[in-house]
C-alpha atoms as a PDB file:
ATOM      1  CA  SER A   1      19.316  -0.242 -57.733  1.00  0.00           C
ATOM      2  CA  ALA A   2      20.071   3.444 -58.241  1.00  0.00           C
ATOM      3  CA  GLY A   3      22.448   2.517 -61.034  1.00  0.00           C
ATOM      4  CA  ILE A   4      25.568   4.022 -59.480  1.00  0.00           C
ATOM      5  CA  GLY A   5      27.107   1.968 -56.657  1.00  0.00           C
ATOM      6  CA  ARG A   6      26.893  -1.733 -57.460  1.00  0.00           C
ATOM      7  CA  THR A   7      26.225  -0.985 -61.111  1.00  0.00           C
ATOM      8  CA  GLY A   8      29.379   1.094 -61.328  1.00  0.00           C
ATOM      9  CA  THR A   9      31.336  -1.645 -59.590  1.00  0.00           C
ATOM     10  CA  TYR A  10      30.172  -4.219 -62.124  1.00  0.00           C
ATOM     11  CA  ILE A  11      30.889  -1.945 -65.097  1.00  0.00           C
ATOM     12  CA  ALA A  12      34.383  -1.215 -63.790  1.00  0.00           C
ATOM     13  CA  ILE A  13      35.194  -4.890 -63.280  1.00  0.00           C
ATOM     14  CA  ASP A  14      33.906  -5.834 -66.730  1.00  0.00           C
ATOM     15  CA  ALA A  15      35.684  -3.043 -68.599  1.00  0.00           C
ATOM     16  CA  LEU A  16      38.959  -3.282 -66.680  1.00  0.00           C
ATOM     17  CA  HIS A  17      39.115  -7.048 -67.104  1.00  0.00           C
ATOM     18  CA  LYS A  18      38.838  -6.660 -70.874  1.00  0.00           C
ATOM     19  CA  GLU A  19      41.505  -3.934 -70.773  1.00  0.00           C
ATOM     20  CA  MET A  20      43.753  -6.171 -68.648  1.00  0.00           C
ATOM     21  CA  GLN A  21      43.472  -8.954 -71.229  1.00  0.00           C
ATOM     22  CA  GLN A  22      44.308  -6.612 -74.095  1.00  0.00           C
ATOM     23  CA  GLU A  23      46.917  -4.301 -72.555  1.00  0.00           C
ATOM     24  CA  ASN A  24      48.214  -6.406 -69.652  1.00  0.00           C
ATOM     25  CA  LYS A  25      47.900  -3.363 -67.376  1.00  0.00           C
ATOM     26  CA  ILE A  26      45.111  -1.285 -65.838  1.00  0.00           C
ATOM     27  CA  ASN A  27      44.551   1.863 -63.767  1.00  0.00           C
ATOM     28  CA  ILE A  28      41.533   1.355 -61.518  1.00  0.00           C
ATOM     29  CA  ALA A  29      41.533   4.807 -59.941  1.00  0.00           C
ATOM     30  CA  GLU A  30      41.693   6.518 -63.333  1.00  0.00           C
ATOM     31  CA  TYR A  31      38.830   4.445 -64.719  1.00  0.00           C
ATOM     32  CA  VAL A  32      36.572   5.158 -61.732  1.00  0.00           C
ATOM     33  CA  LYS A  33      37.382   8.861 -62.099  1.00  0.00           C
ATOM     34  CA  LYS A  34      36.329   8.766 -65.757  1.00  0.00           C
ATOM     35  CA  MET A  35      33.064   7.035 -64.879  1.00  0.00           C
ATOM     36  CA  ARG A  36      32.292   9.715 -62.304  1.00  0.00           C
ATOM     37  CA  GLU A  37      32.841  12.428 -64.889  1.00  0.00           C
ATOM     38  CA  LYS A  38      29.885  10.998 -66.803  1.00  0.00           C
ATOM     39  CA  ARG A  39      27.764  10.054 -63.800  1.00  0.00           C
ATOM     40  CA  MET A  40      28.323  11.187 -60.228  1.00  0.00           C
ATOM     41  CA  ASN A  41      28.919   8.704 -57.404  1.00  0.00           C
ATOM     42  CA  MET A  42      29.707   5.719 -59.589  1.00  0.00           C
ATOM     43  CA  VAL A  43      31.236   3.224 -57.114  1.00  0.00           C
ATOM     44  CA  GLN A  44      29.930   4.714 -53.888  1.00  0.00           C
ATOM     45  CA  THR A  45      31.695   2.966 -51.001  1.00  0.00           C
ATOM     46  CA  ASP A  46      35.120   1.797 -49.895  1.00  0.00           C
ATOM     47  CA  GLU A  47      33.858  -1.782 -49.975  1.00  0.00           C
ATOM     48  CA  GLN A  48      32.766  -1.458 -53.597  1.00  0.00           C
ATOM     49  CA  TYR A  49      36.118   0.050 -54.554  1.00  0.00           C
ATOM     50  CA  LYS A  50      37.919  -2.751 -52.717  1.00  0.00           C
ATOM     51  CA  THR A  51      35.711  -5.288 -54.494  1.00  0.00           C
ATOM     52  CA  ILE A  52      37.004  -4.067 -57.853  1.00  0.00           C
ATOM     53  CA  PHE A  53      40.613  -4.665 -56.779  1.00  0.00           C
ATOM     54  CA  LEU A  54      39.943  -8.072 -55.231  1.00  0.00           C
ATOM     55  CA  THR A  55      37.814  -9.328 -58.125  1.00  0.00           C
ATOM     56  CA  LEU A  56      40.334  -8.283 -60.776  1.00  0.00           C
ATOM     57  CA  TYR A  57      43.137  -9.847 -58.755  1.00  0.00           C
ATOM     58  CA  GLU A  58      41.176 -13.096 -58.533  1.00  0.00           C
ATOM     59  CA  MET A  59      40.401 -13.032 -62.258  1.00  0.00           C
ATOM     60  CA  SER A  60      44.097 -12.531 -62.960  1.00  0.00           C
ATOM     61  CA  GLU A  61      45.544 -15.091 -60.541  1.00  0.00           C
ATOM     62  CA  ALA A  62      42.835 -17.768 -60.730  1.00  0.00           C
ATOM     63  CA  PRO A  63      40.838 -17.347 -63.946  1.00  0.00           C
ATOM     64  CA  VAL A  64      37.613 -19.266 -64.432  1.00  0.00           C
ATOM     65  CA  THR A  65      38.104 -22.341 -66.626  1.00  0.00           C
ATOM     66  CA  VAL A  66      34.596 -23.672 -67.196  1.00  0.00           C
ATOM     67  CA  GLN A  67      34.442 -26.754 -69.439  1.00  0.00           C
ATOM     68  CA  LYS A  68      31.770 -28.872 -71.043  1.00  0.00           C
ATOM     69  CA  PRO A  69      31.854 -32.531 -69.947  1.00  0.00           C
ATOM     70  CA  THR A  70      33.374 -33.677 -73.252  1.00  0.00           C
ATOM     71  CA  GLU A  71      36.106 -31.022 -73.051  1.00  0.00           C
ATOM     72  CA  TYR A  72      36.862 -31.988 -69.478  1.00  0.00           C
ATOM     73  CA  ILE A  73      37.183 -35.699 -70.325  1.00  0.00           C
ATOM     74  CA  GLU A  74      39.468 -34.864 -73.256  1.00  0.00           C
ATOM     75  CA  LYS A  75      41.669 -32.780 -70.973  1.00  0.00           C
ATOM     76  CA  LEU A  76      42.039 -35.616 -68.482  1.00  0.00           C
ATOM     77  CA  GLU A  77      42.724 -38.152 -71.214  1.00  0.00           C
ATOM     78  CA  THR A  78      45.421 -35.862 -72.611  1.00  0.00           C
ATOM     79  CA  ALA A  79      46.886 -35.404 -69.138  1.00  0.00           C
ATOM     80  CA  LYS A  80      47.460 -39.157 -68.946  1.00  0.00           C
ATOM     81  CA  LEU A  81      49.740 -38.907 -71.980  1.00  0.00           C
ATOM     82  CA  ASP A  82      51.859 -36.049 -70.627  1.00  0.00           C
ATOM     83  CA  THR A  83      55.420 -36.946 -69.660  1.00  0.00           C
ATOM     84  CA  PRO A  84      57.195 -36.759 -67.348  1.00  0.00           C
ATOM     85  CA  ALA A  85      54.520 -37.266 -64.671  1.00  0.00           C
ATOM     86  CA  ASN A  86      55.448 -34.121 -62.747  1.00  0.00           C
ATOM     87  CA  VAL A  87      54.441 -31.808 -65.603  1.00  0.00           C
ATOM     88  CA  THR A  88      50.940 -33.085 -66.239  1.00  0.00           C
ATOM     89  CA  THR A  89      48.113 -30.619 -66.708  1.00  0.00           C
ATOM     90  CA  LEU A  90      46.570 -31.637 -63.393  1.00  0.00           C
ATOM     91  CA  ARG A  91      49.821 -31.105 -61.533  1.00  0.00           C
ATOM     92  CA  PHE A  92      50.206 -27.670 -63.110  1.00  0.00           C
ATOM     93  CA  ASP A  93      46.668 -26.733 -61.990  1.00  0.00           C
ATOM     94  CA  PHE A  94      47.322 -28.036 -58.486  1.00  0.00           C
ATOM     95  CA  GLN A  95      50.580 -26.108 -58.165  1.00  0.00           C
ATOM     96  CA  LYS A  96      48.730 -22.983 -59.272  1.00  0.00           C
ATOM     97  CA  LEU A  97      46.108 -23.582 -56.572  1.00  0.00           C
ATOM     98  CA  MET A  98      48.801 -23.936 -53.940  1.00  0.00           C
ATOM     99  CA  SER A  99      50.452 -20.703 -55.057  1.00  0.00           C
ATOM    100  CA  VAL A 100      47.282 -18.599 -54.777  1.00  0.00           C
ATOM    101  CA  ARG A 101      45.567 -20.149 -51.753  1.00  0.00           C
ATOM    102  CA  PRO A 102      45.442 -18.006 -48.586  1.00  0.00           C
ATOM    103  CA  ARG A 103      48.481 -18.377 -46.364  1.00  0.00           C
ATOM    104  CA  GLN A 104      48.153 -19.906 -42.928  1.00  0.00           C
ATOM    105  CA  GLY A 105      50.523 -17.507 -41.232  1.00  0.00           C
ATOM    106  CA  ASN A 106      49.666 -15.802 -37.951  1.00  0.00           C
ATOM    107  CA  GLU A 107      48.933 -12.517 -39.696  1.00  0.00           C
ATOM    108  CA  TYR A 108      45.941 -14.107 -41.475  1.00  0.00           C
ATOM    109  CA  TYR A 109      44.804 -16.854 -39.139  1.00  0.00           C
ATOM    110  CA  LYS A 110      44.508 -17.407 -35.445  1.00  0.00           C
ATOM    111  CA  MET A 111      43.021 -20.021 -33.235  1.00  0.00           C
ATOM    112  CA  VAL A 112      39.673 -18.922 -31.913  1.00  0.00           C
ATOM    113  CA  SER A 113      40.113 -20.665 -28.603  1.00  0.00           C
ATOM    114  CA  GLU A 114      42.620 -22.658 -26.611  1.00  0.00           C
ATOM    115  CA  GLY A 115      40.023 -25.340 -25.865  1.00  0.00           C
ATOM    116  CA  GLU A 116      41.246 -28.915 -25.930  1.00  0.00           C
ATOM    117  CA  GLY A 117      38.659 -29.921 -28.514  1.00  0.00           C
ATOM    118  CA  LEU A 118      40.037 -27.666 -31.242  1.00  0.00           C
ATOM    119  CA  SER A 119      42.249 -29.045 -33.975  1.00  0.00           C
ATOM    120  CA  THR A 120      45.865 -27.944 -33.601  1.00  0.00           C
ATOM    121  CA  THR A 121      47.034 -28.919 -37.072  1.00  0.00           C
ATOM    122  CA  ILE A 122      44.330 -27.454 -39.321  1.00  0.00           C
ATOM    123  CA  ARG A 123      43.805 -23.810 -38.522  1.00  0.00           C
ATOM    124  CA  PRO A 124      40.419 -22.268 -39.348  1.00  0.00           C
ATOM    125  CA  ARG A 125      39.990 -18.869 -40.919  1.00  0.00           C
ATOM    126  CA  TYR A 126      38.852 -16.730 -38.003  1.00  0.00           C
ATOM    127  CA  ASP A 127      36.126 -15.008 -39.995  1.00  0.00           C
ATOM    128  CA  ASN A 128      34.756 -18.294 -41.364  1.00  0.00           C
ATOM    129  CA  VAL A 129      34.781 -20.409 -38.237  1.00  0.00           C
ATOM    130  CA  ILE A 130      31.798 -21.520 -36.207  1.00  0.00           C
ATOM    131  CA  ILE A 131      32.290 -22.672 -32.648  1.00  0.00           C
ATOM    132  CA  ARG A 132      30.115 -24.935 -30.575  1.00  0.00           C
ATOM    133  CA  THR A 133      31.324 -24.522 -27.002  1.00  0.00           C
ATOM    134  CA  SER A 134      30.226 -26.989 -24.346  1.00  0.00           C
ATOM    135  CA  SER A 135      27.223 -25.864 -22.335  1.00  0.00           C
ATOM    136  CA  ASP A 136      28.827 -27.374 -19.251  1.00  0.00           C
ATOM    137  CA  PRO A 137      31.081 -24.713 -17.620  1.00  0.00           C
ATOM    138  CA  ASN A 138      33.240 -27.462 -16.131  1.00  0.00           C
ATOM    139  CA  ARG A 139      34.162 -28.768 -19.570  1.00  0.00           C
ATOM    140  CA  LYS A 140      36.880 -27.039 -21.573  1.00  0.00           C
ATOM    141  CA  SER A 141      36.179 -28.685 -24.912  1.00  0.00           C
ATOM    142  CA  ASN A 142      35.039 -27.017 -28.115  1.00  0.00           C
ATOM    143  CA  ILE A 143      33.940 -28.180 -31.530  1.00  0.00           C
ATOM    144  CA  ASP A 144      35.229 -25.977 -34.331  1.00  0.00           C
ATOM    145  CA  GLY A 145      33.934 -26.034 -37.861  1.00  0.00           C
ATOM    146  CA  ILE A 146      33.426 -23.924 -40.950  1.00  0.00           C
ATOM    147  CA  PHE A 147      30.468 -23.325 -43.187  1.00  0.00           C
ATOM    148  CA  ILE A 148      30.889 -24.269 -46.831  1.00  0.00           C
ATOM    149  CA  HIS A 149      28.579 -22.940 -49.531  1.00  0.00           C
ATOM    150  CA  SER A 150      27.211 -25.375 -52.085  1.00  0.00           C
ATOM    151  CA  PHE A 151      26.639 -24.450 -55.719  1.00  0.00           C
ATOM    152  CA  THR A 152      23.013 -23.636 -54.926  1.00  0.00           C
ATOM    153  CA  ASN A 153      22.853 -22.663 -51.236  1.00  0.00           C
ATOM    154  CA  GLN A 154      24.826 -20.714 -48.670  1.00  0.00           C
ATOM    155  CA  ASN A 155      26.043 -22.579 -45.589  1.00  0.00           C
ATOM    156  CA  ALA A 156      24.938 -25.903 -47.063  1.00  0.00           C
ATOM    157  CA  LEU A 157      27.710 -27.864 -45.366  1.00  0.00           C
ATOM    158  CA  ILE A 158      29.681 -27.773 -42.126  1.00  0.00           C
ATOM    159  CA  VAL A 159      33.203 -29.189 -42.144  1.00  0.00           C
ATOM    160  CA  THR A 160      34.525 -30.188 -38.742  1.00  0.00           C
ATOM    161  CA  HIS A 161      36.893 -32.590 -36.992  1.00  0.00           C
ATOM    162  CA  CYS A 162      35.877 -35.714 -35.134  1.00  0.00           C
ATOM    163  CA  PRO A 163      35.960 -35.046 -31.386  1.00  0.00           C
ATOM    164  CA  PRO A 164      37.571 -37.318 -28.786  1.00  0.00           C
ATOM    165  CA  ALA A 165      35.251 -39.892 -27.236  1.00  0.00           C
ATOM    166  CA  ASP A 166      34.797 -37.756 -24.106  1.00  0.00           C
ATOM    167  CA  ASP A 167      33.485 -34.848 -26.194  1.00  0.00           C
ATOM    168  CA  VAL A 168      30.747 -36.652 -28.127  1.00  0.00           C
ATOM    169  CA  VAL A 169      28.117 -34.660 -26.239  1.00  0.00           C
ATOM    170  CA  ASP A 170      29.505 -31.463 -27.784  1.00  0.00           C
ATOM    171  CA  PHE A 171      29.402 -32.990 -31.257  1.00  0.00           C
ATOM    172  CA  LEU A 172      25.775 -33.952 -30.710  1.00  0.00           C
ATOM    173  CA  GLY A 173      25.177 -30.369 -29.624  1.00  0.00           C
ATOM    174  CA  LEU A 174      26.545 -29.154 -32.957  1.00  0.00           C
ATOM    175  CA  ILE A 175      24.097 -31.422 -34.800  1.00  0.00           C
ATOM    176  CA  THR A 176      21.210 -30.130 -32.687  1.00  0.00           C
ATOM    177  CA  ASP A 177      22.182 -26.448 -32.863  1.00  0.00           C
ATOM    178  CA  TYR A 178      22.108 -26.421 -36.666  1.00  0.00           C
ATOM    179  CA  ASP A 179      19.258 -28.940 -37.186  1.00  0.00           C
ATOM    180  CA  SER A 180      21.495 -31.173 -39.246  1.00  0.00           C
ATOM    181  CA  GLU A 181      19.960 -34.400 -40.492  1.00  0.00           C
ATOM    182  CA  VAL A 182      22.940 -35.840 -42.396  1.00  0.00           C
ATOM    183  CA  VAL A 183      26.434 -36.559 -41.045  1.00  0.00           C
ATOM    184  CA  VAL A 184      29.098 -37.893 -43.400  1.00  0.00           C
ATOM    185  CA  PHE A 185      32.329 -39.346 -42.009  1.00  0.00           C
ATOM    186  CA  MET A 186      35.352 -39.529 -44.286  1.00  0.00           C
ATOM    187  CA  GLU A 187      36.923 -42.420 -42.404  1.00  0.00           C
ATOM    188  CA  PRO A 188      35.407 -45.841 -41.600  1.00  0.00           C
ATOM    189  CA  LEU A 189      33.390 -45.666 -38.396  1.00  0.00           C
ATOM    190  CA  ASN A 190      35.367 -48.493 -36.816  1.00  0.00           C
ATOM    191  CA  SER A 191      38.488 -46.329 -36.978  1.00  0.00           C
ATOM    192  CA  ILE A 192      36.937 -43.434 -35.046  1.00  0.00           C
ATOM    193  CA  GLU A 193      36.548 -43.972 -31.331  1.00  0.00           C
ATOM    194  CA  SER A 194      33.931 -41.278 -30.799  1.00  0.00           C
ATOM    195  CA  THR A 195      31.328 -42.600 -33.264  1.00  0.00           C
ATOM    196  CA  GLU A 196      29.744 -45.131 -30.941  1.00  0.00           C
ATOM    197  CA  PHE A 197      26.500 -43.197 -30.774  1.00  0.00           C
ATOM    198  CA  LYS A 198      23.237 -43.253 -32.689  1.00  0.00           C
ATOM    199  CA  PRO A 199      21.624 -39.820 -32.687  1.00  0.00           C
ATOM    200  CA  ARG A 200      17.936 -39.937 -33.458  1.00  0.00           C
ATOM    201  CA  MET A 201      16.608 -38.598 -36.746  1.00  0.00           C
ATOM    202  CA  VAL A 202      20.128 -38.276 -38.167  1.00  0.00           C
ATOM    203  CA  HIS A 203      21.364 -40.168 -41.228  1.00  0.00           C
ATOM    204  CA  LEU A 204      24.975 -41.345 -40.881  1.00  0.00           C
ATOM    205  CA  ALA A 205      27.234 -42.381 -43.744  1.00  0.00           C
ATOM    206  CA  ALA A 206      30.848 -43.512 -43.845  1.00  0.00           C
ATOM    207  CA  PRO A 207      33.141 -45.477 -46.169  1.00  0.00           C
ATOM    208  CA  THR A 208      33.786 -49.125 -45.460  1.00  0.00           C
ATOM    209  CA  HIS A 209      37.484 -48.814 -46.318  1.00  0.00           C
ATOM    210  CA  ASP A 210      40.170 -46.133 -46.004  1.00  0.00           C
ATOM    211  CA  LEU A 211      39.853 -43.681 -48.885  1.00  0.00           C
ATOM    212  CA  THR A 212      43.273 -43.731 -50.536  1.00  0.00           C
ATOM    213  CA  SER A 213      44.414 -43.610 -54.141  1.00  0.00           C
ATOM    214  CA  LYS A 214      45.659 -47.188 -53.815  1.00  0.00           C
ATOM    215  CA  ASN A 215      42.199 -48.485 -52.923  1.00  0.00           C
ATOM    216  CA  THR A 216      40.274 -49.365 -56.086  1.00  0.00           C
ATOM    217  CA  GLN A 217      36.971 -48.758 -54.272  1.00  0.00           C
ATOM    218  CA  THR A 218      37.795 -45.188 -53.242  1.00  0.00           C
ATOM    219  CA  VAL A 219      36.128 -43.381 -56.142  1.00  0.00           C
ATOM    220  CA  SER A 220      32.922 -45.403 -55.992  1.00  0.00           C
ATOM    221  CA  GLN A 221      32.728 -45.001 -52.213  1.00  0.00           C
ATOM    222  CA  ILE A 222      33.195 -41.214 -52.334  1.00  0.00           C
ATOM    223  CA  LEU A 223      30.576 -40.865 -55.064  1.00  0.00           C
ATOM    224  CA  GLY A 224      28.324 -43.044 -52.945  1.00  0.00           C
ATOM    225  CA  LEU A 225      28.745 -40.716 -49.962  1.00  0.00           C
ATOM    226  CA  VAL A 226      27.897 -37.685 -52.115  1.00  0.00           C
ATOM    227  CA  SER A 227      24.828 -39.419 -53.539  1.00  0.00           C
ATOM    228  CA  PHE A 228      23.750 -40.422 -50.028  1.00  0.00           C
ATOM    229  CA  ALA A 229      23.951 -36.816 -48.823  1.00  0.00           C
ATOM    230  CA  GLN A 230      22.162 -35.392 -51.864  1.00  0.00           C
ATOM    231  CA  ASN A 231      19.278 -37.842 -51.530  1.00  0.00           C
ATOM    232  CA  ARG A 232      18.760 -37.195 -47.816  1.00  0.00           C
ATOM    233  CA  MET A 233      19.094 -33.441 -47.561  1.00  0.00           C
ATOM    234  CA  GLY A 234      17.084 -31.781 -44.837  1.00  0.00           C
ATOM    235  CA  GLU A 235      16.625 -28.174 -43.781  1.00  0.00           C
ATOM    236  CA  GLY A 236      19.927 -28.018 -41.915  1.00  0.00           C
ATOM    237  CA  PRO A 237      23.475 -28.230 -43.276  1.00  0.00           C
ATOM    238  CA  ILE A 238      25.218 -31.507 -44.024  1.00  0.00           C
ATOM    239  CA  ILE A 239      28.014 -32.125 -41.510  1.00  0.00           C
ATOM    240  CA  VAL A 240      31.215 -33.514 -43.040  1.00  0.00           C
ATOM    241  CA  VAL A 241      33.683 -35.006 -40.560  1.00  0.00           C
ATOM    242  CA  SER A 242      37.285 -36.179 -40.662  1.00  0.00           C
ATOM    243  CA  LYS A 243      39.887 -36.728 -37.961  1.00  0.00           C
ATOM    244  CA  ASP A 244      41.491 -33.306 -38.487  1.00  0.00           C
ATOM    245  CA  GLY A 245      38.636 -31.382 -40.090  1.00  0.00           C
ATOM    246  CA  ALA A 246      40.274 -31.172 -43.491  1.00  0.00           C
ATOM    247  CA  ALA A 247      41.590 -34.460 -44.916  1.00  0.00           C
ATOM    248  CA  LEU A 248      39.151 -35.760 -47.548  1.00  0.00           C
ATOM    249  CA  CYS A 249      36.477 -33.265 -46.455  1.00  0.00           C
ATOM    250  CA  GLY A 250      37.528 -31.043 -49.338  1.00  0.00           C
ATOM    251  CA  VAL A 251      37.204 -33.966 -51.759  1.00  0.00           C
ATOM    252  CA  PHE A 252      33.623 -34.554 -50.631  1.00  0.00           C
ATOM    253  CA  CYS A 253      32.655 -30.854 -50.746  1.00  0.00           C
ATOM    254  CA  ALA A 254      34.278 -30.343 -54.159  1.00  0.00           C
ATOM    255  CA  LEU A 255      32.461 -33.315 -55.685  1.00  0.00           C
ATOM    256  CA  TYR A 256      29.187 -32.284 -54.046  1.00  0.00           C
ATOM    257  CA  ASN A 257      29.445 -28.851 -55.668  1.00  0.00           C
ATOM    258  CA  LEU A 258      30.790 -30.064 -59.014  1.00  0.00           C
ATOM    259  CA  ILE A 259      27.944 -32.541 -59.450  1.00  0.00           C
ATOM    260  CA  GLN A 260      25.465 -29.753 -58.668  1.00  0.00           C
ATOM    261  CA  GLN A 261      27.202 -27.475 -61.180  1.00  0.00           C
ATOM    262  CA  LEU A 262      27.193 -30.177 -63.850  1.00  0.00           C
ATOM    263  CA  THR A 263      23.534 -31.013 -63.229  1.00  0.00           C
ATOM    264  CA  MET A 264      22.409 -27.389 -63.442  1.00  0.00           C
ATOM    265  CA  ASP A 265      24.730 -25.912 -66.078  1.00  0.00           C
ATOM    266  CA  GLU A 266      26.100 -28.913 -68.009  1.00  0.00           C
ATOM    267  CA  GLU A 267      29.625 -27.614 -67.369  1.00  0.00           C
ATOM    268  CA  ILE A 268      32.188 -27.755 -64.575  1.00  0.00           C
ATOM    269  CA  ASP A 269      35.228 -25.889 -63.278  1.00  0.00           C
ATOM    270  CA  VAL A 270      37.243 -28.040 -60.895  1.00  0.00           C
ATOM    271  CA  PHE A 271      39.929 -25.408 -60.361  1.00  0.00           C
ATOM    272  CA  SER A 272      37.490 -22.680 -59.269  1.00  0.00           C
ATOM    273  CA  VAL A 273      35.468 -25.003 -57.028  1.00  0.00           C
ATOM    274  CA  VAL A 274      38.597 -26.097 -55.160  1.00  0.00           C
ATOM    275  CA  ARG A 275      39.839 -22.515 -55.071  1.00  0.00           C
ATOM    276  CA  LEU A 276      36.640 -21.389 -53.312  1.00  0.00           C
ATOM    277  CA  LEU A 277      36.963 -24.179 -50.758  1.00  0.00           C
ATOM    278  CA  GLN A 278      40.508 -23.109 -49.964  1.00  0.00           C
ATOM    279  CA  THR A 279      39.404 -19.538 -49.332  1.00  0.00           C
ATOM    280  CA  ARG A 280      37.254 -20.975 -46.546  1.00  0.00           C
ATOM    281  CA  ARG A 281      39.868 -23.374 -45.165  1.00  0.00           C
ATOM    282  CA  PRO A 282      43.282 -23.520 -46.867  1.00  0.00           C
ATOM    283  CA  GLY A 283      43.873 -27.063 -45.590  1.00  0.00           C
ATOM    284  CA  LEU A 284      41.130 -28.455 -47.833  1.00  0.00           C
ATOM    285  CA  CYS A 285      42.292 -30.344 -50.956  1.00  0.00           C
ATOM    286  CA  SER A 286      45.888 -29.634 -49.999  1.00  0.00           C
ATOM    287  CA  THR A 287      47.534 -32.699 -51.574  1.00  0.00           C
ATOM    288  CA  MET A 288      48.006 -33.794 -55.158  1.00  0.00           C
ATOM    289  CA  GLU A 289      46.470 -37.141 -54.226  1.00  0.00           C
ATOM    290  CA  GLU A 290      43.209 -35.456 -53.211  1.00  0.00           C
ATOM    291  CA  TYR A 291      43.161 -33.253 -56.324  1.00  0.00           C
ATOM    292  CA  GLU A 292      43.618 -36.305 -58.532  1.00  0.00           C
ATOM    293  CA  MET A 293      40.922 -38.090 -56.539  1.00  0.00           C
ATOM    294  CA  ILE A 294      38.444 -35.288 -57.289  1.00  0.00           C
ATOM    295  CA  ASN A 295      39.195 -35.380 -61.009  1.00  0.00           C
ATOM    296  CA  HIS A 296      39.113 -39.167 -61.203  1.00  0.00           C
ATOM    297  CA  ALA A 297      35.756 -39.247 -59.431  1.00  0.00           C
ATOM    298  CA  MET A 298      34.276 -36.549 -61.699  1.00  0.00           C
ATOM    299  CA  MET A 299      35.516 -38.376 -64.777  1.00  0.00           C
ATOM    300  CA  THR A 300      33.882 -41.568 -63.503  1.00  0.00           C
ATOM    301  CA  PHE A 301      30.630 -39.745 -62.717  1.00  0.00           C
ATOM    302  CA  ILE A 302      30.452 -38.106 -66.162  1.00  0.00           C
ATOM    303  CA  GLN A 303      31.205 -41.350 -67.980  1.00  0.00           C
ATOM    304  CA  SER A 304      28.625 -43.307 -65.974  1.00  0.00           C
ATOM    305  CA  ARG A 305      26.037 -40.635 -66.657  1.00  0.00           C
ATOM    306  CA  THR A 306      26.849 -40.744 -70.369  1.00  0.00           C
ATOM    307  CA  ASP A 307      26.508 -44.538 -70.354  1.00  0.00           C
ATOM    308  CA  GLU A 308      23.052 -44.226 -68.719  1.00  0.00           C
ATOM    309  CA  ILE A 309      21.890 -41.732 -71.381  1.00  0.00           C
ATOM    310  CA  THR A 310      23.179 -44.003 -74.137  1.00  0.00           C
ATOM    311  CA  TYR A 311      21.382 -46.981 -72.594  1.00  0.00           C
ATOM    312  CA  TYR A 312      18.047 -45.151 -72.344  1.00  0.00           C
ATOM    313  CA  ASN A 313      18.301 -43.941 -75.935  1.00  0.00           C
ATOM    314  CA  GLN A 314      18.778 -47.439 -77.343  1.00  0.00           C
END
């Protein structure tokens, strides 16, 4: 690096964030001007200048809240004691997520195609969407999906909706196009009419029961799906499927990333992980039930891991 463009961008973000915390106000243009007085061309491009604004806005509206496992468990235990139920810590975090997630209005989002195979209820971000259009010109179906980054890799997952039975060939095409070896369904296979196929060299996983907060097996089944995917990763992305391309897919992706974060850094940030998912598809993790499900599953995972360490140390 020449030490002016990206370096200047980083310095500006770091200094202005500290100033914002201390003074509760900042002047980005003035700070960049002062940097350039000491070294020419600090912050070289429009994109770098825009990055300063967007990053500081994100740090203000959705600050990082990384926690050690013990701190996280204590927070959840405290949340159980909060009364009334509608003012718990988790509910406050979820309401904050809903207030800062990208809007799904027409000025931000648009359907990429009018094909019959596209979901009409969950609208993809145009710039994030991938489309697998049928190779048969007589068919008007499409499979839409979005790439999701994992904690360690870009485009590690594809979130998509389950196609109608007549469009299974297009779904198989999506698997082939991206060399996917793992497909995870978020509903039981017997409830999805288009899953009566057995693609070769592809590992399929699905819950045995509907994943709801009322089902006592939900947490263990979701953690089982995540473990299944992690243990069978191939070169291609993991495909995560639900009926509408959003429900419960966010729960899976969030837990997949949080477990990676915990394993690598021994700390987690549920809020930021969900926030990043919603920048890709705002319909992910869009209910309080799903947000609680994520936290309950992470609490269970951390406690089970702690129990294993205790057992081995005895």
